[in-house]
């Protein structure tokens, strides 16, 4: 496989075709070697329009959803970013290339360990990794942006409290058959605005509380 040709075809036929036009996002997708973040045995599918299995019932997002997430968050070089769900660490690497620093957490220790190795090989030193259940705790700080790589069956306002005023969060919210990718922006206090960008399907966040019925 001609890896570079396949990467550019992915960008042209999938990512750009799905309205991802921000040059900094396209440059990062072009620069970060996605093939180095897929599990062994799936390298030939690294640039395919498919959700690649990672283990534990989790999957990588498709390239088009990854691109839309990165564009929607509008990451700048001064941003401190929280990622909920390290997974393959591909999005982690893309966020690290765009932002000042990334704090990425995952409930599965083997994902965290694998991510540490992949990010070191990629030469990225501005990422802090933690094995943590986001449904039970969050880092004790506020972030400029939050990327949630799993879906939330319902909105949880706890995540907004982890944003600085003016901070942005990407989250896919809802239950099948309708899950909406939203940009949520925190106001000056604990209020927020929410904008729906598209519909997609992601596995739900592990251990998300069933009894939480908050809606917005």
Protein backbone atom coordinates (compact mmCIF):
# COMPACT_ATOMS: atom_id res chain seq x y z
CA UNK A 1 0.00 0.00 0.00
CA UNK A 2 1.22 3.48 -0.88
CA UNK A 3 0.67 4.96 2.59
CA UNK A 4 1.00 8.62 1.66
CA UNK A 5 -1.30 8.26 -1.35
CA UNK A 6 -3.89 6.47 0.83
CA UNK A 7 -3.66 9.23 3.45
CA UNK A 8 -4.24 11.99 0.91
CA UNK A 9 -7.14 10.06 -0.62
CA UNK A 10 -8.68 9.74 2.85
CA UNK A 11 -8.37 13.48 3.35
CA UNK A 12 -9.72 14.38 -0.10
CA UNK A 13 -12.52 11.84 -0.44
CA UNK A 14 -13.66 11.50 3.18
CA UNK A 15 -12.55 14.37 5.42
CA UNK A 16 -12.75 17.34 3.05
CA UNK A 17 -15.87 15.86 1.41
CA UNK A 18 -17.58 16.04 4.79
CA UNK A 19 -17.05 19.81 5.09
CA UNK A 20 -13.77 19.80 6.99
CA UNK A 21 -12.05 22.81 5.44
CA UNK A 22 -9.96 24.39 8.22
CA UNK A 23 -6.37 24.33 6.99
CA UNK A 24 -4.81 23.71 10.41
CA UNK A 25 -7.02 20.66 10.95
CA UNK A 26 -6.28 19.26 7.49
CA UNK A 27 -2.56 19.82 8.04
CA UNK A 28 -2.63 17.93 11.34
CA UNK A 29 -4.56 15.02 9.83
CA UNK A 30 -2.00 14.92 7.05
CA UNK A 31 0.96 15.10 9.46
CA UNK A 32 -0.12 12.63 12.19
CA UNK A 33 0.51 9.06 11.03
CA UNK A 34 -2.87 7.44 11.61
CA UNK A 35 -1.49 4.07 10.56
CA UNK A 36 0.75 4.05 13.66
CA UNK A 37 -2.25 4.34 15.98
CA UNK A 38 -4.47 1.53 14.69
CA UNK A 39 -4.18 -1.90 16.37
CA UNK A 40 -1.95 -4.59 14.94
CA UNK A 41 -3.71 -6.42 12.13
CA UNK A 42 -5.73 -3.37 11.03
CA UNK A 43 -3.00 -1.29 9.38
CA UNK A 44 -4.49 -1.87 5.93
CA UNK A 45 -7.72 -0.24 7.18
CA UNK A 46 -6.00 2.80 8.67
CA UNK A 47 -7.43 5.13 6.02
CA UNK A 48 -10.76 3.40 5.40
CA UNK A 49 -14.16 4.89 6.18
CA UNK A 50 -14.76 2.43 8.99
CA UNK A 51 -14.73 2.28 12.79
CA UNK A 52 -11.75 0.06 13.67
CA UNK A 53 -12.09 -2.23 16.74
CA UNK A 54 -9.77 -1.43 19.64
CA UNK A 55 -10.80 -4.02 22.23
CA UNK A 56 -13.08 -3.76 25.27
CA UNK A 57 -15.97 -3.17 22.86
CA UNK A 58 -14.47 0.18 21.81
CA UNK A 59 -13.74 1.45 18.28
CA UNK A 60 -11.79 4.23 16.63
CA UNK A 61 -13.95 6.95 15.21
CA UNK A 62 -14.10 7.13 11.43
CA UNK A 63 -11.84 9.72 9.76
CA UNK A 64 -14.79 11.96 8.92
CA UNK A 65 -15.99 12.14 12.53
CA UNK A 66 -12.43 12.72 13.74
CA UNK A 67 -12.06 15.60 11.29
CA UNK A 68 -15.38 17.17 12.22
CA UNK A 69 -14.59 16.88 15.95
CA UNK A 70 -11.24 18.63 15.52
CA UNK A 71 -12.73 21.38 13.37
CA UNK A 72 -15.72 21.91 15.67
CA UNK A 73 -13.51 22.39 18.75
CA UNK A 74 -11.51 25.23 17.11
CA UNK A 75 -8.34 24.36 19.05
CA UNK A 76 -5.66 27.06 19.31
CA UNK A 77 -2.00 26.89 20.29
CA UNK A 78 -2.76 28.36 23.72
CA UNK A 79 -5.46 25.81 24.64
CA UNK A 80 -5.31 23.29 27.45
CA UNK A 81 -7.47 20.36 26.31
CA UNK A 82 -9.14 17.51 28.20
CA UNK A 83 -9.80 14.33 26.24
CA UNK A 84 -12.24 11.83 27.73
CA UNK A 85 -11.48 8.47 26.14
CA UNK A 86 -7.88 8.06 24.98
CA UNK A 87 -8.66 4.95 22.94
CA UNK A 88 -6.14 4.50 20.12
CA UNK A 89 -4.48 7.85 21.02
CA UNK A 90 -4.84 9.10 17.43
CA UNK A 91 -7.14 11.96 18.42
CA UNK A 92 -4.87 12.55 21.41
CA UNK A 93 -1.96 13.06 19.01
CA UNK A 94 -3.98 15.38 16.76
CA UNK A 95 -5.10 17.46 19.74
CA UNK A 96 -1.52 17.62 21.01
CA UNK A 97 -0.37 18.90 17.61
CA UNK A 98 -2.99 21.67 17.73
CA UNK A 99 -3.00 22.67 21.40
CA UNK A 100 -0.61 23.80 24.10
CA UNK A 101 -1.20 20.67 26.18
CA UNK A 102 -3.58 17.71 26.49
CA UNK A 103 -4.80 15.81 29.54
CA UNK A 104 -6.19 12.50 28.26
CA UNK A 105 -7.92 9.91 30.41
CA UNK A 106 -9.26 6.44 29.78
CA UNK A 107 -10.88 3.80 31.95
CA UNK A 108 -8.75 0.99 30.45
CA UNK A 109 -5.17 0.79 31.67
CA UNK A 110 -3.94 -1.06 28.57
CA UNK A 111 -5.20 1.79 26.36
CA UNK A 112 -3.30 4.28 28.52
CA UNK A 113 -0.10 2.21 28.43
CA UNK A 114 -0.31 1.74 24.67
CA UNK A 115 -1.00 5.46 24.19
CA UNK A 116 2.11 6.41 26.17
CA UNK A 117 4.27 4.32 23.84
CA UNK A 118 2.63 5.60 20.64
CA UNK A 119 2.84 9.24 21.69
CA UNK A 120 6.49 8.88 22.66
CA UNK A 121 7.25 7.35 19.26
CA UNK A 122 5.43 10.27 17.64
CA UNK A 123 7.64 12.71 19.55
CA UNK A 124 4.74 14.33 21.43
CA UNK A 125 5.66 15.41 24.95
CA UNK A 126 2.78 17.76 25.77
CA UNK A 127 0.29 15.02 26.78
CA UNK A 128 -0.49 13.84 30.30
CA UNK A 129 -2.23 10.46 30.47
CA UNK A 130 -4.31 9.04 33.31
CA UNK A 131 -6.31 5.89 33.95
CA UNK A 132 -9.51 7.43 35.30
CA UNK A 133 -13.27 6.86 35.15
CA UNK A 134 -14.75 10.16 33.98
CA UNK A 135 -18.15 9.10 35.30
CA UNK A 136 -16.72 9.11 38.84
CA UNK A 137 -14.16 11.92 38.76
CA UNK A 138 -12.60 14.59 36.58
CA UNK A 139 -9.26 16.40 36.88
CA UNK A 140 -9.34 19.22 39.43
CA UNK A 141 -8.85 22.06 36.95
CA UNK A 142 -10.64 23.88 34.16
CA UNK A 143 -9.90 23.43 30.47
CA UNK A 144 -10.24 25.53 27.33
CA UNK A 145 -11.69 22.58 25.40
CA UNK A 146 -12.99 19.09 26.08
CA UNK A 147 -13.20 16.29 23.50
CA UNK A 148 -15.41 13.36 24.49
CA UNK A 149 -14.69 10.43 22.18
CA UNK A 150 -17.62 8.28 23.39
CA UNK A 151 -21.31 9.15 23.32
CA UNK A 152 -23.34 10.33 26.30
CA UNK A 153 -26.85 8.86 26.48
CA UNK A 154 -27.85 12.13 28.15
CA UNK A 155 -26.16 15.44 28.76
CA UNK A 156 -24.16 15.63 31.99
CA UNK A 157 -23.57 19.20 33.26
CA UNK A 158 -20.56 18.02 35.28
CA UNK A 159 -18.50 18.21 32.12
CA UNK A 160 -19.40 21.88 31.59
CA UNK A 161 -18.02 22.63 35.06
CA UNK A 162 -14.63 21.38 33.83
CA UNK A 163 -14.56 24.15 31.20
CA UNK A 164 -13.25 27.66 31.69
CA UNK A 165 -15.76 30.41 30.85
CA UNK A 166 -15.85 30.51 27.07
CA UNK A 167 -14.52 26.96 26.85
CA UNK A 168 -15.81 24.53 24.20
CA UNK A 169 -16.82 20.90 24.45
CA UNK A 170 -17.51 18.38 21.69
CA UNK A 171 -19.94 15.64 22.73
CA UNK A 172 -22.17 13.16 20.93
CA UNK A 173 -25.40 13.02 22.92
CA UNK A 174 -28.44 10.77 22.68
CA UNK A 175 -29.47 7.18 22.25
CA UNK A 176 -30.02 5.15 19.06
CA UNK A 177 -31.28 5.86 16.50
CA UNK A 178 -30.51 9.56 17.01
CA UNK A 179 -27.21 10.71 18.49
CA UNK A 180 -26.29 14.35 17.90
CA UNK A 181 -22.76 15.74 17.71
CA UNK A 182 -22.87 19.01 19.63
CA UNK A 183 -20.62 21.93 20.39
CA UNK A 184 -21.31 23.12 23.93
CA UNK A 185 -19.86 26.47 25.01
CA UNK A 186 -19.71 27.52 28.65
CA UNK A 187 -20.92 30.99 29.54
CA UNK A 188 -19.55 33.30 32.19
CA UNK A 189 -21.09 31.34 35.03
CA UNK A 190 -22.26 27.72 34.85
CA UNK A 191 -24.62 28.34 31.93
CA UNK A 192 -23.95 27.12 28.41
CA UNK A 193 -25.13 27.15 24.81
CA UNK A 194 -25.42 24.08 22.62
CA UNK A 195 -25.31 23.76 18.83
CA UNK A 196 -26.04 20.57 16.88
CA UNK A 197 -23.61 19.99 13.99
CA UNK A 198 -24.44 16.51 12.68
CA UNK A 199 -25.72 13.06 13.62
CA UNK A 200 -23.41 10.11 14.15
CA UNK A 201 -23.06 6.94 16.21
CA UNK A 202 -20.45 6.29 18.90
CA UNK A 203 -20.33 3.68 21.65
CA UNK A 204 -21.61 5.08 24.96
CA UNK A 205 -19.22 6.21 27.68
CA UNK A 206 -18.47 3.25 29.95
CA UNK A 207 -20.20 3.45 33.36
CA UNK A 208 -22.36 6.42 32.41
CA UNK A 209 -25.05 6.58 35.14
CA UNK A 210 -28.34 5.17 33.91
CA UNK A 211 -30.37 7.18 36.39
CA UNK A 212 -29.19 10.59 35.16
CA UNK A 213 -32.24 12.05 33.39
CA UNK A 214 -30.99 15.60 32.84
CA UNK A 215 -32.13 16.96 29.48
CA UNK A 216 -31.55 20.23 27.64
